[in-house]
Amino acid sequence: MRKKLIDILACPMCGHYPLKLVAIQENDDKVVQGILHCQNCGRWYPIRDEIAVMLPDNMRDQKKDDEFYASYEKYFKENGIPRSWQATEK
């Protein structure tokens, strides 16, 4: 995902923007692996292989998200991002 896209991306569940970007692996102006975090509703969205996977709750794959979380748990904890992406909206 190109870093400059962060200014236009909004949470698909609550519409909040901008999202917080946590870059785990970068290549020039692209985020290869990372996390997009909505600081309004608490949901997070993975960036896998340069693709931001921003699906609504009913289309998410819990197993894949659990695996992603386990792989990058350190980054979630350092940035205060909850494990569950099914946060309660404010």
C-alpha atoms as a PDB file:
ATOM      1  CA  MET A   1       0.000   0.000   0.000  1.00  0.00           C
ATOM      2  CA  ARG A   2       1.377   3.390  -0.882  1.00  0.00           C
ATOM      3  CA  LYS A   3       1.857   5.520   2.218  1.00  0.00           C
ATOM      4  CA  LYS A   4       0.186   8.547   0.641  1.00  0.00           C
ATOM      5  CA  LEU A   5      -3.144   6.647   0.533  1.00  0.00           C
ATOM      6  CA  ILE A   6      -3.466   6.939   4.313  1.00  0.00           C
ATOM      7  CA  ASP A   7      -4.930  10.436   3.864  1.00  0.00           C
ATOM      8  CA  ILE A   8      -7.940   9.142   1.923  1.00  0.00           C
ATOM      9  CA  LEU A   9      -8.696   5.782   3.553  1.00  0.00           C
ATOM     10  CA  ALA A  10     -11.650   5.590   5.932  1.00  0.00           C
ATOM     11  CA  CYS A  11     -12.877   2.827   8.212  1.00  0.00           C
ATOM     12  CA  PRO A  12     -15.474   0.793   6.272  1.00  0.00           C
ATOM     13  CA  MET A  13     -17.526   0.278   9.446  1.00  0.00           C
ATOM     14  CA  CYS A  14     -17.764   3.741  11.016  1.00  0.00           C
ATOM     15  CA  GLY A  15     -16.396   6.027   8.276  1.00  0.00           C
ATOM     16  CA  HIS A  16     -13.714   7.615  10.486  1.00  0.00           C
ATOM     17  CA  TYR A  17     -10.544   8.939   8.894  1.00  0.00           C
ATOM     18  CA  PRO A  18      -7.641   9.263   8.836  1.00  0.00           C
ATOM     19  CA  LEU A  19      -6.668   5.834  10.060  1.00  0.00           C
ATOM     20  CA  LYS A  20      -3.506   5.266  12.085  1.00  0.00           C
ATOM     21  CA  LEU A  21      -0.823   3.506  10.055  1.00  0.00           C
ATOM     22  CA  VAL A  22       1.591   1.120  11.747  1.00  0.00           C
ATOM     23  CA  ALA A  23       4.219   0.123   9.188  1.00  0.00           C
ATOM     24  CA  ILE A  24       5.840  -3.206  10.022  1.00  0.00           C
ATOM     25  CA  GLN A  25       7.760  -3.737   6.790  1.00  0.00           C
ATOM     26  CA  GLU A  26       8.373  -1.026   4.201  1.00  0.00           C
ATOM     27  CA  ASN A  27       9.830  -0.816   0.705  1.00  0.00           C
ATOM     28  CA  ASP A  28      10.440   2.758  -0.463  1.00  0.00           C
ATOM     29  CA  ASP A  29       7.053   4.550  -0.351  1.00  0.00           C
ATOM     30  CA  LYS A  30       5.081   1.327   0.121  1.00  0.00           C
ATOM     31  CA  VAL A  31       3.999  -0.540   3.239  1.00  0.00           C
ATOM     32  CA  VAL A  32       4.512  -4.255   2.620  1.00  0.00           C
ATOM     33  CA  GLN A  33       3.193  -5.459   5.995  1.00  0.00           C
ATOM     34  CA  GLY A  34       1.332  -3.253   8.430  1.00  0.00           C
ATOM     35  CA  ILE A  35      -1.773  -2.361  10.369  1.00  0.00           C
ATOM     36  CA  LEU A  36      -4.444   0.272   9.759  1.00  0.00           C
ATOM     37  CA  HIS A  37      -6.173   1.184  13.016  1.00  0.00           C
ATOM     38  CA  CYS A  38      -9.408   3.119  13.389  1.00  0.00           C
ATOM     39  CA  GLN A  39      -9.034   5.129  16.563  1.00  0.00           C
ATOM     40  CA  ASN A  40     -12.770   5.862  16.584  1.00  0.00           C
ATOM     41  CA  CYS A  41     -14.271   2.352  16.721  1.00  0.00           C
ATOM     42  CA  GLY A  42     -11.095   0.396  17.538  1.00  0.00           C
ATOM     43  CA  ARG A  43     -11.164  -1.901  14.533  1.00  0.00           C
ATOM     44  CA  TRP A  44      -7.944  -2.765  12.750  1.00  0.00           C
ATOM     45  CA  TYR A  45      -7.219  -3.880   9.223  1.00  0.00           C
ATOM     46  CA  PRO A  46      -4.141  -5.794   8.063  1.00  0.00           C
ATOM     47  CA  ILE A  47      -1.847  -4.767   5.251  1.00  0.00           C
ATOM     48  CA  ARG A  48      -0.589  -7.993   3.665  1.00  0.00           C
ATOM     49  CA  ASP A  49       1.852  -8.033   0.774  1.00  0.00           C
ATOM     50  CA  GLU A  50       1.208  -4.322   0.040  1.00  0.00           C
ATOM     51  CA  ILE A  51      -2.596  -4.790   0.033  1.00  0.00           C
ATOM     52  CA  ALA A  52      -4.792  -3.134   2.656  1.00  0.00           C
ATOM     53  CA  VAL A  53      -7.499  -5.675   3.495  1.00  0.00           C
ATOM     54  CA  MET A  54     -10.322  -3.384   4.601  1.00  0.00           C
ATOM     55  CA  LEU A  55     -13.360  -5.616   4.754  1.00  0.00           C
ATOM     56  CA  PRO A  56     -16.509  -5.107   6.842  1.00  0.00           C
ATOM     57  CA  ASP A  57     -16.885  -7.403   9.841  1.00  0.00           C
ATOM     58  CA  ASN A  58     -19.189  -9.907   8.139  1.00  0.00           C
ATOM     59  CA  MET A  59     -16.644 -10.530   5.352  1.00  0.00           C
ATOM     60  CA  ARG A  60     -13.510 -10.928   7.482  1.00  0.00           C
ATOM     61  CA  ASP A  61     -11.696 -14.233   7.952  1.00  0.00           C
ATOM     62  CA  GLN A  62     -11.213 -14.664  11.711  1.00  0.00           C
ATOM     63  CA  LYS A  63      -8.552 -17.380  11.259  1.00  0.00           C
ATOM     64  CA  LYS A  64      -6.422 -15.238   8.937  1.00  0.00           C
ATOM     65  CA  ASP A  65      -6.772 -12.231  11.239  1.00  0.00           C
ATOM     66  CA  ASP A  66      -5.794 -14.340  14.273  1.00  0.00           C
ATOM     67  CA  GLU A  67      -2.704 -15.565  12.391  1.00  0.00           C
ATOM     68  CA  PHE A  68      -1.811 -12.006  11.392  1.00  0.00           C
ATOM     69  CA  TYR A  69      -2.204 -10.828  14.977  1.00  0.00           C
ATOM     70  CA  ALA A  70      -0.030 -13.686  16.289  1.00  0.00           C
ATOM     71  CA  SER A  71       2.695 -12.884  13.756  1.00  0.00           C
ATOM     72  CA  TYR A  72       2.807  -9.179  14.675  1.00  0.00           C
ATOM     73  CA  GLU A  73       1.562  -9.152  18.274  1.00  0.00           C
ATOM     74  CA  LYS A  74       4.504  -6.982  19.349  1.00  0.00           C
ATOM     75  CA  TYR A  75       3.390  -4.165  17.033  1.00  0.00           C
ATOM     76  CA  PHE A  76      -0.235  -4.378  18.183  1.00  0.00           C
ATOM     77  CA  LYS A  77       0.777  -4.123  21.838  1.00  0.00           C
ATOM     78  CA  GLU A  78       3.299  -1.298  21.261  1.00  0.00           C
ATOM     79  CA  ASN A  79       0.581   0.756  19.556  1.00  0.00           C
ATOM     80  CA  GLY A  80      -2.285  -0.037  21.935  1.00  0.00           C
ATOM     81  CA  ILE A  81      -4.305  -1.874  19.289  1.00  0.00           C
ATOM     82  CA  PRO A  82      -6.718  -4.479  20.714  1.00  0.00           C
ATOM     83  CA  ARG A  83      -6.563  -8.086  19.566  1.00  0.00           C
ATOM     84  CA  SER A  84     -10.218  -8.172  18.559  1.00  0.00           C
ATOM     85  CA  TRP A  85     -11.136  -6.202  15.454  1.00  0.00           C
ATOM     86  CA  GLN A  86     -14.831  -6.378  16.389  1.00  0.00           C
ATOM     87  CA  ALA A  87     -14.779  -3.328  18.612  1.00  0.00           C
ATOM     88  CA  THR A  88     -17.844  -1.549  19.882  1.00  0.00           C
ATOM     89  CA  GLU A  89     -18.498   1.692  18.039  1.00  0.00           C
ATOM     90  CA  LYS A  90     -18.565   4.870  20.092  1.00  0.00           C
END
